[in-house]
PDB file of N, CA and C in Angstrom:
ATOM      1  N   MET A   1       0.808  -1.207   0.038  1.00  0.00           N
ATOM      2  CA  MET A   1      -0.014  -0.037  -0.027  1.00  0.00           C
ATOM      3  C   MET A   1       0.853   1.256   0.018  1.00  0.00           C
ATOM      4  N   LYS A   2       1.960   1.293   0.818  1.00  0.00           N
ATOM      5  CA  LYS A   2       2.901   2.361   0.782  1.00  0.00           C
ATOM      6  C   LYS A   2       3.474   2.624  -0.519  1.00  0.00           C
ATOM      7  N   ARG A   3       3.911   1.491  -1.204  1.00  0.00           N
ATOM      8  CA  ARG A   3       4.465   1.662  -2.548  1.00  0.00           C
ATOM      9  C   ARG A   3       3.463   2.321  -3.502  1.00  0.00           C
ATOM     10  N   VAL A   4       2.229   1.874  -3.481  1.00  0.00           N
ATOM     11  CA  VAL A   4       1.143   2.453  -4.413  1.00  0.00           C
ATOM     12  C   VAL A   4       1.056   3.969  -4.079  1.00  0.00           C
ATOM     13  N   ARG A   5       0.938   4.303  -2.829  1.00  0.00           N
ATOM     14  CA  ARG A   5       0.785   5.735  -2.458  1.00  0.00           C
ATOM     15  C   ARG A   5       2.075   6.565  -2.974  1.00  0.00           C
ATOM     16  N   ALA A   6       3.223   6.008  -2.819  1.00  0.00           N
ATOM     17  CA  ALA A   6       4.454   6.695  -3.206  1.00  0.00           C
ATOM     18  C   ALA A   6       4.518   6.874  -4.727  1.00  0.00           C
ATOM     19  N   THR A   7       4.054   5.756  -5.412  1.00  0.00           N
ATOM     20  CA  THR A   7       3.968   5.869  -6.895  1.00  0.00           C
ATOM     21  C   THR A   7       2.997   6.945  -7.319  1.00  0.00           C
ATOM     22  N   MET A   8       1.861   6.934  -6.777  1.00  0.00           N
ATOM     23  CA  MET A   8       0.814   7.984  -7.015  1.00  0.00           C
ATOM     24  C   MET A   8       1.352   9.352  -6.684  1.00  0.00           C
ATOM     25  N   PHE A   9       2.022   9.578  -5.601  1.00  0.00           N
ATOM     26  CA  PHE A   9       2.515  10.912  -5.233  1.00  0.00           C
ATOM     27  C   PHE A   9       3.483  11.327  -6.189  1.00  0.00           C
ATOM     28  N   TRP A  10       4.572  10.468  -6.555  1.00  0.00           N
ATOM     29  CA  TRP A  10       5.582  10.928  -7.586  1.00  0.00           C
ATOM     30  C   TRP A  10       4.914  11.181  -8.984  1.00  0.00           C
ATOM     31  N   SER A  11       3.978  10.336  -9.382  1.00  0.00           N
ATOM     32  CA  SER A  11       3.298  10.486 -10.620  1.00  0.00           C
ATOM     33  C   SER A  11       2.551  11.832 -10.704  1.00  0.00           C
ATOM     34  N   THR A  12       1.857  12.203  -9.645  1.00  0.00           N
ATOM     35  CA  THR A  12       1.187  13.448  -9.568  1.00  0.00           C
ATOM     36  C   THR A  12       2.142  14.633  -9.536  1.00  0.00           C
ATOM     37  N   LEU A  13       3.218  14.569  -8.843  1.00  0.00           N
ATOM     38  CA  LEU A  13       4.167  15.571  -8.733  1.00  0.00           C
ATOM     39  C   LEU A  13       4.849  15.781 -10.143  1.00  0.00           C
ATOM     40  N   ILE A  14       5.204  14.722 -10.888  1.00  0.00           N
ATOM     41  CA  ILE A  14       5.781  14.798 -12.125  1.00  0.00           C
ATOM     42  C   ILE A  14       4.843  15.454 -13.131  1.00  0.00           C
ATOM     43  N   LEU A  15       3.574  15.018 -13.102  1.00  0.00           N
ATOM     44  CA  LEU A  15       2.558  15.625 -13.991  1.00  0.00           C
ATOM     45  C   LEU A  15       2.386  17.126 -13.729  1.00  0.00           C
ATOM     46  N   ALA A  16       2.400  17.539 -12.457  1.00  0.00           N
ATOM     47  CA  ALA A  16       2.184  18.916 -12.060  1.00  0.00           C
ATOM     48  C   ALA A  16       3.402  19.716 -12.533  1.00  0.00           C
ATOM     49  N   MET A  17       4.506  19.188 -12.458  1.00  0.00           N
ATOM     50  CA  MET A  17       5.733  19.885 -12.863  1.00  0.00           C
ATOM     51  C   MET A  17       5.788  20.074 -14.395  1.00  0.00           C
ATOM     52  N   MET A  18       5.256  19.088 -15.071  1.00  0.00           N
ATOM     53  CA  MET A  18       5.239  19.108 -16.489  1.00  0.00           C
ATOM     54  C   MET A  18       4.212  20.229 -17.037  1.00  0.00           C
ATOM     55  N   ALA A  19       3.121  20.353 -16.219  1.00  0.00           N
ATOM     56  CA  ALA A  19       2.042  21.269 -16.631  1.00  0.00           C
ATOM     57  C   ALA A  19       2.553  22.742 -16.297  1.00  0.00           C
ATOM     58  N   PHE A  20       3.321  22.922 -15.301  1.00  0.00           N
ATOM     59  CA  PHE A  20       3.625  24.337 -14.888  1.00  0.00           C
ATOM     60  C   PHE A  20       4.216  25.209 -15.907  1.00  0.00           C
ATOM     61  N   PRO A  21       5.195  24.770 -16.715  1.00  0.00           N
ATOM     62  CA  PRO A  21       5.690  25.602 -17.755  1.00  0.00           C
ATOM     63  C   PRO A  21       4.605  26.026 -18.849  1.00  0.00           C
ATOM     64  N   ALA A  22       3.638  25.166 -19.072  1.00  0.00           N
ATOM     65  CA  ALA A  22       2.631  25.538 -19.988  1.00  0.00           C
ATOM     66  C   ALA A  22       1.746  26.691 -19.349  1.00  0.00           C
ATOM     67  N   VAL A  23       1.439  26.551 -18.073  1.00  0.00           N
ATOM     68  CA  VAL A  23       0.639  27.572 -17.457  1.00  0.00           C
ATOM     69  C   VAL A  23       1.558  28.878 -17.328  1.00  0.00           C
ATOM     70  N   ALA A  24       2.706  28.818 -17.047  1.00  0.00           N
ATOM     71  CA  ALA A  24       3.594  29.971 -16.958  1.00  0.00           C
ATOM     72  C   ALA A  24       3.679  30.766 -18.289  1.00  0.00           C
ATOM     73  N   THR A  25       3.791  30.000 -19.320  1.00  0.00           N
ATOM     74  CA  THR A  25       3.886  30.597 -20.689  1.00  0.00           C
ATOM     75  C   THR A  25       2.657  31.278 -21.134  1.00  0.00           C
ATOM     76  N   ASP A  26       1.420  30.903 -20.470  1.00  0.00           N
ATOM     77  CA  ASP A  26       0.191  31.523 -20.888  1.00  0.00           C
ATOM     78  C   ASP A  26       0.321  33.012 -20.591  1.00  0.00           C
ATOM     79  N   GLU A  27       1.077  33.511 -19.777  1.00  0.00           N
ATOM     80  CA  GLU A  27       1.178  34.952 -19.530  1.00  0.00           C
ATOM     81  C   GLU A  27       1.639  35.736 -20.718  1.00  0.00           C
ATOM     82  N   PHE A  28       2.343  35.062 -21.662  1.00  0.00           N
ATOM     83  CA  PHE A  28       2.827  35.654 -22.844  1.00  0.00           C
ATOM     84  C   PHE A  28       1.762  35.580 -23.996  1.00  0.00           C
ATOM     85  N   VAL A  29       0.833  34.723 -23.971  1.00  0.00           N
ATOM     86  CA  VAL A  29      -0.085  34.459 -25.096  1.00  0.00           C
ATOM     87  C   VAL A  29      -0.926  35.798 -25.360  1.00  0.00           C
ATOM     88  N   GLY A  30      -0.918  36.154 -26.562  1.00  0.00           N
ATOM     89  CA  GLY A  30      -1.776  37.362 -26.879  1.00  0.00           C
ATOM     90  C   GLY A  30      -0.934  38.247 -27.882  1.00  0.00           C
ATOM     91  N   LYS A  31      -1.580  39.381 -28.130  1.00  0.00           N
ATOM     92  CA  LYS A  31      -0.908  40.478 -28.999  1.00  0.00           C
ATOM     93  C   LYS A  31      -0.390  41.460 -28.147  1.00  0.00           C
ATOM     94  N   TRP A  32       0.779  41.986 -28.504  1.00  0.00           N
ATOM     95  CA  TRP A  32       1.495  42.957 -27.639  1.00  0.00           C
ATOM     96  C   TRP A  32       1.909  44.121 -28.597  1.00  0.00           C
ATOM     97  N   ASP A  33       1.534  45.388 -28.338  1.00  0.00           N
ATOM     98  CA  ASP A  33       1.813  46.433 -29.146  1.00  0.00           C
ATOM     99  C   ASP A  33       3.000  47.286 -28.628  1.00  0.00           C
ATOM    100  N   ALA A  34       3.853  47.732 -29.432  1.00  0.00           N
ATOM    101  CA  ALA A  34       5.065  48.597 -29.015  1.00  0.00           C
ATOM    102  C   ALA A  34       5.369  49.535 -30.087  1.00  0.00           C
ATOM    103  N   SER A  35       6.269  50.500 -29.714  1.00  0.00           N
ATOM    104  CA  SER A  35       6.840  51.418 -30.638  1.00  0.00           C
ATOM    105  C   SER A  35       8.317  51.132 -30.750  1.00  0.00           C
ATOM    106  N   VAL A  36       8.845  51.165 -31.859  1.00  0.00           N
ATOM    107  CA  VAL A  36      10.332  51.054 -32.084  1.00  0.00           C
ATOM    108  C   VAL A  36      10.864  52.237 -32.737  1.00  0.00           C
ATOM    109  N   GLU A  37      11.935  52.843 -32.088  1.00  0.00           N
ATOM    110  CA  GLU A  37      12.655  53.938 -32.611  1.00  0.00           C
ATOM    111  C   GLU A  37      13.775  53.461 -33.510  1.00  0.00           C
ATOM    112  N   THR A  38      13.780  53.955 -34.790  1.00  0.00           N
ATOM    113  CA  THR A  38      14.875  53.625 -35.594  1.00  0.00           C
ATOM    114  C   THR A  38      15.440  54.962 -36.249  1.00  0.00           C
ATOM    115  N   ARG A  39      16.361  54.800 -36.985  1.00  0.00           N
ATOM    116  CA  ARG A  39      16.991  56.093 -37.666  1.00  0.00           C
ATOM    117  C   ARG A  39      16.038  56.525 -38.752  1.00  0.00           C
ATOM    118  N   ASN A  40      15.074  55.628 -39.144  1.00  0.00           N
ATOM    119  CA  ASN A  40      14.020  55.987 -40.154  1.00  0.00           C
ATOM    120  C   ASN A  40      12.769  56.496 -39.500  1.00  0.00           C
ATOM    121  N   GLY A  41      12.813  56.697 -38.233  1.00  0.00           N
ATOM    122  CA  GLY A  41      11.573  57.096 -37.498  1.00  0.00           C
ATOM    123  C   GLY A  41      11.029  56.123 -36.524  1.00  0.00           C
ATOM    124  N   THR A  42       9.855  56.418 -36.019  1.00  0.00           N
ATOM    125  CA  THR A  42       9.185  55.530 -34.995  1.00  0.00           C
ATOM    126  C   THR A  42       8.185  54.644 -35.772  1.00  0.00           C
ATOM    127  N   HIS A  43       8.187  53.344 -35.479  1.00  0.00           N
ATOM    128  CA  HIS A  43       7.409  52.313 -36.095  1.00  0.00           C
ATOM    129  C   HIS A  43       6.479  51.570 -35.048  1.00  0.00           C
ATOM    130  N   ALA A  44       5.224  51.468 -35.321  1.00  0.00           N
ATOM    131  CA  ALA A  44       4.404  50.583 -34.520  1.00  0.00           C
ATOM    132  C   ALA A  44       4.666  49.110 -34.935  1.00  0.00           C
ATOM    133  N   VAL A  45       4.943  48.267 -33.849  1.00  0.00           N
ATOM    134  CA  VAL A  45       5.080  46.862 -34.046  1.00  0.00           C
ATOM    135  C   VAL A  45       4.173  46.090 -33.198  1.00  0.00           C
ATOM    136  N   THR A  46       3.986  44.844 -33.565  1.00  0.00           N
ATOM    137  CA  THR A  46       3.157  43.894 -32.703  1.00  0.00           C
ATOM    138  C   THR A  46       3.847  42.562 -32.670  1.00  0.00           C
ATOM    139  N   PHE A  47       3.922  42.089 -31.477  1.00  0.00           N
ATOM    140  CA  PHE A  47       4.403  40.740 -31.048  1.00  0.00           C
ATOM    141  C   PHE A  47       3.053  39.851 -30.861  1.00  0.00           C
ATOM    142  N   ASP A  48       2.953  38.748 -31.538  1.00  0.00           N
ATOM    143  CA  ASP A  48       1.743  37.944 -31.298  1.00  0.00           C
ATOM    144  C   ASP A  48       2.198  36.522 -30.924  1.00  0.00           C
ATOM    145  N   PHE A  49       1.886  36.045 -29.774  1.00  0.00           N
ATOM    146  CA  PHE A  49       2.193  34.736 -29.283  1.00  0.00           C
ATOM    147  C   PHE A  49       0.947  33.957 -29.060  1.00  0.00           C
ATOM    148  N   SER A  50       1.106  32.615 -29.463  1.00  0.00           N
ATOM    149  CA  SER A  50      -0.015  31.663 -29.348  1.00  0.00           C
ATOM    150  C   SER A  50       0.526  30.265 -28.925  1.00  0.00           C
ATOM    151  N   SER A  51      -0.282  29.485 -28.277  1.00  0.00           N
ATOM    152  CA  SER A  51       0.138  28.141 -27.932  1.00  0.00           C
ATOM    153  C   SER A  51       0.076  27.282 -29.182  1.00  0.00           C
ATOM    154  N   GLY A  52       1.198  26.524 -29.398  1.00  0.00           N
ATOM    155  CA  GLY A  52       1.173  25.659 -30.512  1.00  0.00           C
ATOM    156  C   GLY A  52       1.428  24.232 -30.038  1.00  0.00           C
ATOM    157  N   ASP A  53       1.580  23.334 -31.071  1.00  0.00           N
ATOM    158  CA  ASP A  53       1.981  21.882 -30.740  1.00  0.00           C
ATOM    159  C   ASP A  53       3.277  21.783 -29.979  1.00  0.00           C
ATOM    160  N   ASN A  54       4.162  22.652 -30.225  1.00  0.00           N
ATOM    161  CA  ASN A  54       5.534  22.501 -29.589  1.00  0.00           C
ATOM    162  C   ASN A  54       5.758  23.636 -28.586  1.00  0.00           C
ATOM    163  N   GLY A  55       4.646  24.144 -27.932  1.00  0.00           N
ATOM    164  CA  GLY A  55       4.881  25.278 -26.924  1.00  0.00           C
ATOM    165  C   GLY A  55       4.519  26.566 -27.584  1.00  0.00           C
ATOM    166  N   LEU A  56       5.162  27.678 -27.172  1.00  0.00           N
ATOM    167  CA  LEU A  56       4.789  28.957 -27.767  1.00  0.00           C
ATOM    168  C   LEU A  56       5.268  29.170 -29.048  1.00  0.00           C
ATOM    169  N   GLU A  57       4.458  29.867 -29.863  1.00  0.00           N
ATOM    170  CA  GLU A  57       4.849  30.267 -31.328  1.00  0.00           C
ATOM    171  C   GLU A  57       4.639  31.763 -31.354  1.00  0.00           C
ATOM    172  N   GLY A  58       5.298  32.394 -32.241  1.00  0.00           N
ATOM    173  CA  GLY A  58       5.091  33.855 -32.333  1.00  0.00           C
ATOM    174  C   GLY A  58       5.354  34.422 -33.708  1.00  0.00           C
ATOM    175  N   THR A  59       4.770  35.655 -33.876  1.00  0.00           N
ATOM    176  CA  THR A  59       5.019  36.486 -35.054  1.00  0.00           C
ATOM    177  C   THR A  59       5.389  37.803 -34.661  1.00  0.00           C
ATOM    178  N   PHE A  60       6.015  38.563 -35.532  1.00  0.00           N
ATOM    179  CA  PHE A  60       6.325  40.056 -35.292  1.00  0.00           C
ATOM    180  C   PHE A  60       5.751  40.656 -36.523  1.00  0.00           C
ATOM    181  N   THR A  61       5.036  41.671 -36.256  1.00  0.00           N
ATOM    182  CA  THR A  61       4.447  42.532 -37.408  1.00  0.00           C
ATOM    183  C   THR A  61       5.037  43.907 -37.240  1.00  0.00           C
ATOM    184  N   GLY A  62       5.609  44.422 -38.359  1.00  0.00           N
ATOM    185  CA  GLY A  62       6.273  45.678 -38.365  1.00  0.00           C
ATOM    186  C   GLY A  62       6.103  46.254 -39.709  1.00  0.00           C
ATOM    187  N   PRO A  63       6.983  47.257 -40.052  1.00  0.00           N
ATOM    188  CA  PRO A  63       6.870  47.994 -41.356  1.00  0.00           C
ATOM    189  C   PRO A  63       7.079  46.986 -42.605  1.00  0.00           C
ATOM    190  N   ASP A  64       7.727  45.923 -42.439  1.00  0.00           N
ATOM    191  CA  ASP A  64       7.942  45.021 -43.552  1.00  0.00           C
ATOM    192  C   ASP A  64       6.927  43.807 -43.572  1.00  0.00           C
ATOM    193  N   GLY A  65       5.826  43.883 -42.739  1.00  0.00           N
ATOM    194  CA  GLY A  65       4.884  42.812 -42.677  1.00  0.00           C
ATOM    195  C   GLY A  65       5.073  41.861 -41.626  1.00  0.00           C
ATOM    196  N   VAL A  66       4.521  40.708 -41.788  1.00  0.00           N
ATOM    197  CA  VAL A  66       4.436  39.753 -40.658  1.00  0.00           C
ATOM    198  C   VAL A  66       5.710  38.770 -40.909  1.00  0.00           C
ATOM    199  N   GLU A  67       6.432  38.564 -39.740  1.00  0.00           N
ATOM    200  CA  GLU A  67       7.541  37.654 -39.828  1.00  0.00           C
ATOM    201  C   GLU A  67       7.392  36.605 -38.616  1.00  0.00           C
ATOM    202  N   THR A  68       7.886  35.336 -38.964  1.00  0.00           N
ATOM    203  CA  THR A  68       7.809  34.340 -37.886  1.00  0.00           C
ATOM    204  C   THR A  68       8.979  34.543 -36.982  1.00  0.00           C
ATOM    205  N   LEU A  69       8.643  34.405 -35.719  1.00  0.00           N
ATOM    206  CA  LEU A  69       9.743  34.324 -34.670  1.00  0.00           C
ATOM    207  C   LEU A  69      10.317  32.931 -34.593  1.00  0.00           C
ATOM    208  N   HIS A  70      11.641  32.904 -34.264  1.00  0.00           N
ATOM    209  CA  HIS A  70      12.227  31.551 -34.213  1.00  0.00           C
ATOM    210  C   HIS A  70      12.844  31.358 -32.802  1.00  0.00           C
ATOM    211  N   ASP A  71      13.097  30.047 -32.581  1.00  0.00           N
ATOM    212  CA  ASP A  71      13.814  29.624 -31.278  1.00  0.00           C
ATOM    213  C   ASP A  71      12.933  30.114 -30.071  1.00  0.00           C
ATOM    214  N   VAL A  72      11.683  30.177 -30.085  1.00  0.00           N
ATOM    215  CA  VAL A  72      10.893  30.658 -28.876  1.00  0.00           C
ATOM    216  C   VAL A  72      11.004  29.591 -27.786  1.00  0.00           C
ATOM    217  N   ALA A  73      11.502  30.158 -26.675  1.00  0.00           N
ATOM    218  CA  ALA A  73      11.659  29.241 -25.474  1.00  0.00           C
ATOM    219  C   ALA A  73      11.337  30.067 -24.229  1.00  0.00           C
ATOM    220  N   TYR A  74      10.783  29.325 -23.263  1.00  0.00           N
ATOM    221  CA  TYR A  74      10.524  29.876 -21.949  1.00  0.00           C
ATOM    222  C   TYR A  74      11.390  29.203 -20.935  1.00  0.00           C
ATOM    223  N   SER A  75      12.028  29.987 -20.039  1.00  0.00           N
ATOM    224  CA  SER A  75      12.758  29.436 -18.882  1.00  0.00           C
ATOM    225  C   SER A  75      12.992  30.438 -17.833  1.00  0.00           C
ATOM    226  N   ASP A  76      12.815  30.129 -16.618  1.00  0.00           N
ATOM    227  CA  ASP A  76      13.004  30.946 -15.479  1.00  0.00           C
ATOM    228  C   ASP A  76      12.239  32.332 -15.557  1.00  0.00           C
ATOM    229  N   GLY A  77      11.066  32.276 -15.971  1.00  0.00           N
ATOM    230  CA  GLY A  77      10.227  33.401 -16.017  1.00  0.00           C
ATOM    231  C   GLY A  77      10.526  34.351 -17.191  1.00  0.00           C
ATOM    232  N   LYS A  78      11.332  33.971 -18.162  1.00  0.00           N
ATOM    233  CA  LYS A  78      11.755  34.710 -19.348  1.00  0.00           C
ATOM    234  C   LYS A  78      11.448  33.991 -20.666  1.00  0.00           C
ATOM    235  N   LEU A  79      10.965  34.782 -21.574  1.00  0.00           N
ATOM    236  CA  LEU A  79      10.773  34.217 -22.886  1.00  0.00           C
ATOM    237  C   LEU A  79      11.852  34.733 -23.770  1.00  0.00           C
ATOM    238  N   THR A  80      12.533  33.859 -24.553  1.00  0.00           N
ATOM    239  CA  THR A  80      13.572  34.211 -25.502  1.00  0.00           C
ATOM    240  C   THR A  80      13.112  33.779 -26.877  1.00  0.00           C
ATOM    241  N   PHE A  81      13.547  34.492 -27.888  1.00  0.00           N
ATOM    242  CA  PHE A  81      13.252  34.284 -29.210  1.00  0.00           C
ATOM    243  C   PHE A  81      14.217  35.041 -30.249  1.00  0.00           C
ATOM    244  N   THR A  82      14.164  34.658 -31.390  1.00  0.00           N
ATOM    245  CA  THR A  82      14.975  35.408 -32.404  1.00  0.00           C
ATOM    246  C   THR A  82      14.154  35.804 -33.585  1.00  0.00           C
ATOM    247  N   ARG A  83      14.662  36.782 -34.306  1.00  0.00           N
ATOM    248  CA  ARG A  83      14.028  37.315 -35.556  1.00  0.00           C
ATOM    249  C   ARG A  83      15.080  37.624 -36.455  1.00  0.00           C
ATOM    250  N   ASP A  84      15.000  37.046 -37.689  1.00  0.00           N
ATOM    251  CA  ASP A  84      15.928  37.371 -38.797  1.00  0.00           C
ATOM    252  C   ASP A  84      15.421  38.665 -39.497  1.00  0.00           C
ATOM    253  N   THR A  85      16.386  39.548 -39.759  1.00  0.00           N
ATOM    254  CA  THR A  85      15.961  40.801 -40.418  1.00  0.00           C
ATOM    255  C   THR A  85      16.963  41.181 -41.471  1.00  0.00           C
ATOM    256  N   GLU A  86      16.580  42.059 -42.391  1.00  0.00           N
ATOM    257  CA  GLU A  86      17.491  42.510 -43.318  1.00  0.00           C
ATOM    258  C   GLU A  86      17.158  44.107 -43.663  1.00  0.00           C
ATOM    259  N   SER A  87      18.168  44.898 -43.699  1.00  0.00           N
ATOM    260  CA  SER A  87      17.906  46.216 -43.949  1.00  0.00           C
ATOM    261  C   SER A  87      19.073  46.752 -44.835  1.00  0.00           C
ATOM    262  N   GLN A  88      18.791  47.344 -45.889  1.00  0.00           N
ATOM    263  CA  GLN A  88      19.727  47.976 -46.798  1.00  0.00           C
ATOM    264  C   GLN A  88      20.790  46.999 -47.194  1.00  0.00           C
ATOM    265  N   GLY A  89      20.409  45.707 -47.444  1.00  0.00           N
ATOM    266  CA  GLY A  89      21.332  44.701 -47.848  1.00  0.00           C
ATOM    267  C   GLY A  89      22.151  43.953 -46.697  1.00  0.00           C
ATOM    268  N   PHE A  90      21.850  44.446 -45.433  1.00  0.00           N
ATOM    269  CA  PHE A  90      22.550  43.936 -44.288  1.00  0.00           C
ATOM    270  C   PHE A  90      21.680  42.922 -43.493  1.00  0.00           C
ATOM    271  N   ALA A  91      21.965  41.677 -43.452  1.00  0.00           N
ATOM    272  CA  ALA A  91      21.127  40.696 -42.723  1.00  0.00           C
ATOM    273  C   ALA A  91      21.652  40.480 -41.268  1.00  0.00           C
ATOM    274  N   ALA A  92      20.802  40.315 -40.315  1.00  0.00           N
ATOM    275  CA  ALA A  92      21.087  40.162 -38.984  1.00  0.00           C
ATOM    276  C   ALA A  92      20.064  39.236 -38.285  1.00  0.00           C
ATOM    277  N   THR A  93      20.454  38.595 -37.200  1.00  0.00           N
ATOM    278  CA  THR A  93      19.471  37.899 -36.410  1.00  0.00           C
ATOM    279  C   THR A  93      19.417  38.624 -35.008  1.00  0.00           C
ATOM    280  N   LEU A  94      18.328  39.196 -34.787  1.00  0.00           N
ATOM    281  CA  LEU A  94      18.022  39.860 -33.478  1.00  0.00           C
ATOM    282  C   LEU A  94      17.586  38.864 -32.399  1.00  0.00           C
ATOM    283  N   LYS A  95      18.095  39.073 -31.203  1.00  0.00           N
ATOM    284  CA  LYS A  95      17.803  38.091 -30.088  1.00  0.00           C
ATOM    285  C   LYS A  95      17.052  38.867 -29.020  1.00  0.00           C
ATOM    286  N   TYR A  96      15.885  38.398 -28.687  1.00  0.00           N
ATOM    287  CA  TYR A  96      14.980  38.962 -27.715  1.00  0.00           C
ATOM    288  C   TYR A  96      14.913  38.240 -26.402  1.00  0.00           C
ATOM    289  N   THR A  97      14.781  38.936 -25.255  1.00  0.00           N
ATOM    290  CA  THR A  97      14.458  38.402 -24.020  1.00  0.00           C
ATOM    291  C   THR A  97      13.312  39.240 -23.460  1.00  0.00           C
ATOM    292  N   ALA A  98      12.278  38.595 -22.967  1.00  0.00           N
ATOM    293  CA  ALA A  98      11.097  39.260 -22.544  1.00  0.00           C
ATOM    294  C   ALA A  98      10.585  38.699 -21.215  1.00  0.00           C
ATOM    295  N   THR A  99      10.053  39.590 -20.376  1.00  0.00           N
ATOM    296  CA  THR A  99       9.407  39.242 -19.167  1.00  0.00           C
ATOM    297  C   THR A  99       7.955  39.966 -19.192  1.00  0.00           C
ATOM    298  N   VAL A 100       7.084  39.431 -18.329  1.00  0.00           N
ATOM    299  CA  VAL A 100       5.723  39.999 -18.325  1.00  0.00           C
ATOM    300  C   VAL A 100       5.429  40.408 -16.866  1.00  0.00           C
ATOM    301  N   ASP A 101       4.786  41.628 -16.711  1.00  0.00           N
ATOM    302  CA  ASP A 101       4.280  42.034 -15.431  1.00  0.00           C
ATOM    303  C   ASP A 101       2.859  42.509 -15.687  1.00  0.00           C
ATOM    304  N   GLY A 102       1.911  41.726 -15.567  1.00  0.00           N
ATOM    305  CA  GLY A 102       0.580  42.023 -15.858  1.00  0.00           C
ATOM    306  C   GLY A 102       0.267  42.180 -17.338  1.00  0.00           C
ATOM    307  N   ASN A 103      -0.113  43.318 -17.810  1.00  0.00           N
ATOM    308  CA  ASN A 103      -0.288  43.658 -19.222  1.00  0.00           C
ATOM    309  C   ASN A 103       0.874  44.389 -19.834  1.00  0.00           C
ATOM    310  N   THR A 104       2.025  44.285 -19.215  1.00  0.00           N
ATOM    311  CA  THR A 104       3.217  44.900 -19.727  1.00  0.00           C
ATOM    312  C   THR A 104       4.283  43.845 -19.965  1.00  0.00           C
ATOM    313  N   MET A 105       4.881  43.968 -21.170  1.00  0.00           N
ATOM    314  CA  MET A 105       5.951  42.996 -21.541  1.00  0.00           C
ATOM    315  C   MET A 105       7.257  43.826 -21.732  1.00  0.00           C
ATOM    316  N   ASN A 106       8.191  43.612 -20.906  1.00  0.00           N
ATOM    317  CA  ASN A 106       9.476  44.279 -21.008  1.00  0.00           C
ATOM    318  C   ASN A 106      10.388  43.461 -21.881  1.00  0.00           C
ATOM    319  N   VAL A 107      10.943  44.093 -22.927  1.00  0.00           N
ATOM    320  CA  VAL A 107      11.719  43.391 -23.910  1.00  0.00           C
ATOM    321  C   VAL A 107      13.094  44.050 -24.050  1.00  0.00           C
ATOM    322  N   THR A 108      14.087  43.166 -24.059  1.00  0.00           N
ATOM    323  CA  THR A 108      15.497  43.540 -24.341  1.00  0.00           C
ATOM    324  C   THR A 108      15.862  42.926 -25.680  1.00  0.00           C
ATOM    325  N   VAL A 109      16.301  43.693 -26.649  1.00  0.00           N
ATOM    326  CA  VAL A 109      16.775  43.248 -27.935  1.00  0.00           C
ATOM    327  C   VAL A 109      18.277  43.387 -28.149  1.00  0.00           C
ATOM    328  N   SER A 110      18.862  42.361 -28.439  1.00  0.00           N
ATOM    329  CA  SER A 110      20.344  42.325 -28.727  1.00  0.00           C
ATOM    330  C   SER A 110      20.423  42.402 -30.235  1.00  0.00           C
ATOM    331  N   THR A 111      21.099  43.580 -30.721  1.00  0.00           N
ATOM    332  CA  THR A 111      21.299  43.772 -32.131  1.00  0.00           C
ATOM    333  C   THR A 111      22.850  43.771 -32.411  1.00  0.00           C
ATOM    334  N   PRO A 112      23.228  43.775 -33.643  1.00  0.00           N
ATOM    335  CA  PRO A 112      24.706  43.947 -33.954  1.00  0.00           C
ATOM    336  C   PRO A 112      25.245  45.283 -33.431  1.00  0.00           C
ATOM    337  N   ARG A 113      24.414  46.273 -33.172  1.00  0.00           N
ATOM    338  CA  ARG A 113      24.858  47.658 -32.680  1.00  0.00           C
ATOM    339  C   ARG A 113      24.673  47.768 -31.127  1.00  0.00           C
ATOM    340  N   GLY A 114      24.282  46.718 -30.493  1.00  0.00           N
ATOM    341  CA  GLY A 114      24.165  46.792 -29.072  1.00  0.00           C
ATOM    342  C   GLY A 114      22.732  46.452 -28.557  1.00  0.00           C
ATOM    343  N   GLU A 115      22.434  46.613 -27.302  1.00  0.00           N
ATOM    344  CA  GLU A 115      21.150  46.260 -26.768  1.00  0.00           C
ATOM    345  C   GLU A 115      20.205  47.438 -26.839  1.00  0.00           C
ATOM    346  N   ARG A 116      18.894  47.157 -26.916  1.00  0.00           N
ATOM    347  CA  ARG A 116      17.888  48.187 -26.859  1.00  0.00           C
ATOM    348  C   ARG A 116      16.791  47.512 -26.028  1.00  0.00           C
ATOM    349  N   SER A 117      16.051  48.463 -25.330  1.00  0.00           N
ATOM    350  CA  SER A 117      14.829  48.023 -24.510  1.00  0.00           C
ATOM    351  C   SER A 117      13.572  48.606 -25.096  1.00  0.00           C
ATOM    352  N   LEU A 118      12.588  47.893 -24.954  1.00  0.00           N
ATOM    353  CA  LEU A 118      11.293  48.357 -25.311  1.00  0.00           C
ATOM    354  C   LEU A 118      10.160  47.776 -24.504  1.00  0.00           C
ATOM    355  N   THR A 119       9.046  48.533 -24.348  1.00  0.00           N
ATOM    356  CA  THR A 119       7.968  48.022 -23.510  1.00  0.00           C
ATOM    357  C   THR A 119       6.715  47.842 -24.462  1.00  0.00           C
ATOM    358  N   ALA A 120       6.202  46.714 -24.332  1.00  0.00           N
ATOM    359  CA  ALA A 120       4.914  46.399 -25.114  1.00  0.00           C
ATOM    360  C   ALA A 120       3.755  46.234 -24.190  1.00  0.00           C
ATOM    361  N   THR A 121       2.629  46.573 -24.640  1.00  0.00           N
ATOM    362  CA  THR A 121       1.335  46.600 -23.919  1.00  0.00           C
ATOM    363  C   THR A 121       0.452  45.544 -24.559  1.00  0.00           C
ATOM    364  N   ARG A 122      -0.168  44.747 -23.688  1.00  0.00           N
ATOM    365  CA  ARG A 122      -1.042  43.751 -24.215  1.00  0.00           C
ATOM    366  C   ARG A 122      -2.271  44.396 -24.978  1.00  0.00           C
ATOM    367  N   ASP A 123      -2.593  43.904 -26.093  1.00  0.00           N
ATOM    368  CA  ASP A 123      -3.665  44.366 -26.895  1.00  0.00           C
ATOM    369  C   ASP A 123      -4.948  43.590 -26.467  1.00  0.00           C
ATOM    370  N   GLU A 124      -5.848  44.231 -25.705  1.00  0.00           N
ATOM    371  CA  GLU A 124      -6.982  43.559 -25.109  1.00  0.00           C
ATOM    372  C   GLU A 124      -8.088  43.660 -26.042  1.00  0.00           C
TER     373      GLU A 124
END
């Protein structure tokens, strides 16, 4: 009987631990609006995250249209992802790290020219 209880306890604990990351990533699901300052002016952008078969999936909508986000991963309360971009013949992969506080997503972007920060607001 003790062995059955122990097996049930560990099985329940493992299932709960597996479900927790899915619940934690739900805070990122939705559309997030932000403004990005560039040398060409200020641009409205949108990050859109949804739950997919392999966890979170995302897109970025900006002046050049909709782009798929890559390497979307959640760990230790942070969402990381990358976006490939090209401007004036120069290609780069931008690396993002984001945290959520309510309806505010704080984002750090690593670019070839250094880091930038931006704040996005959940589109309700």
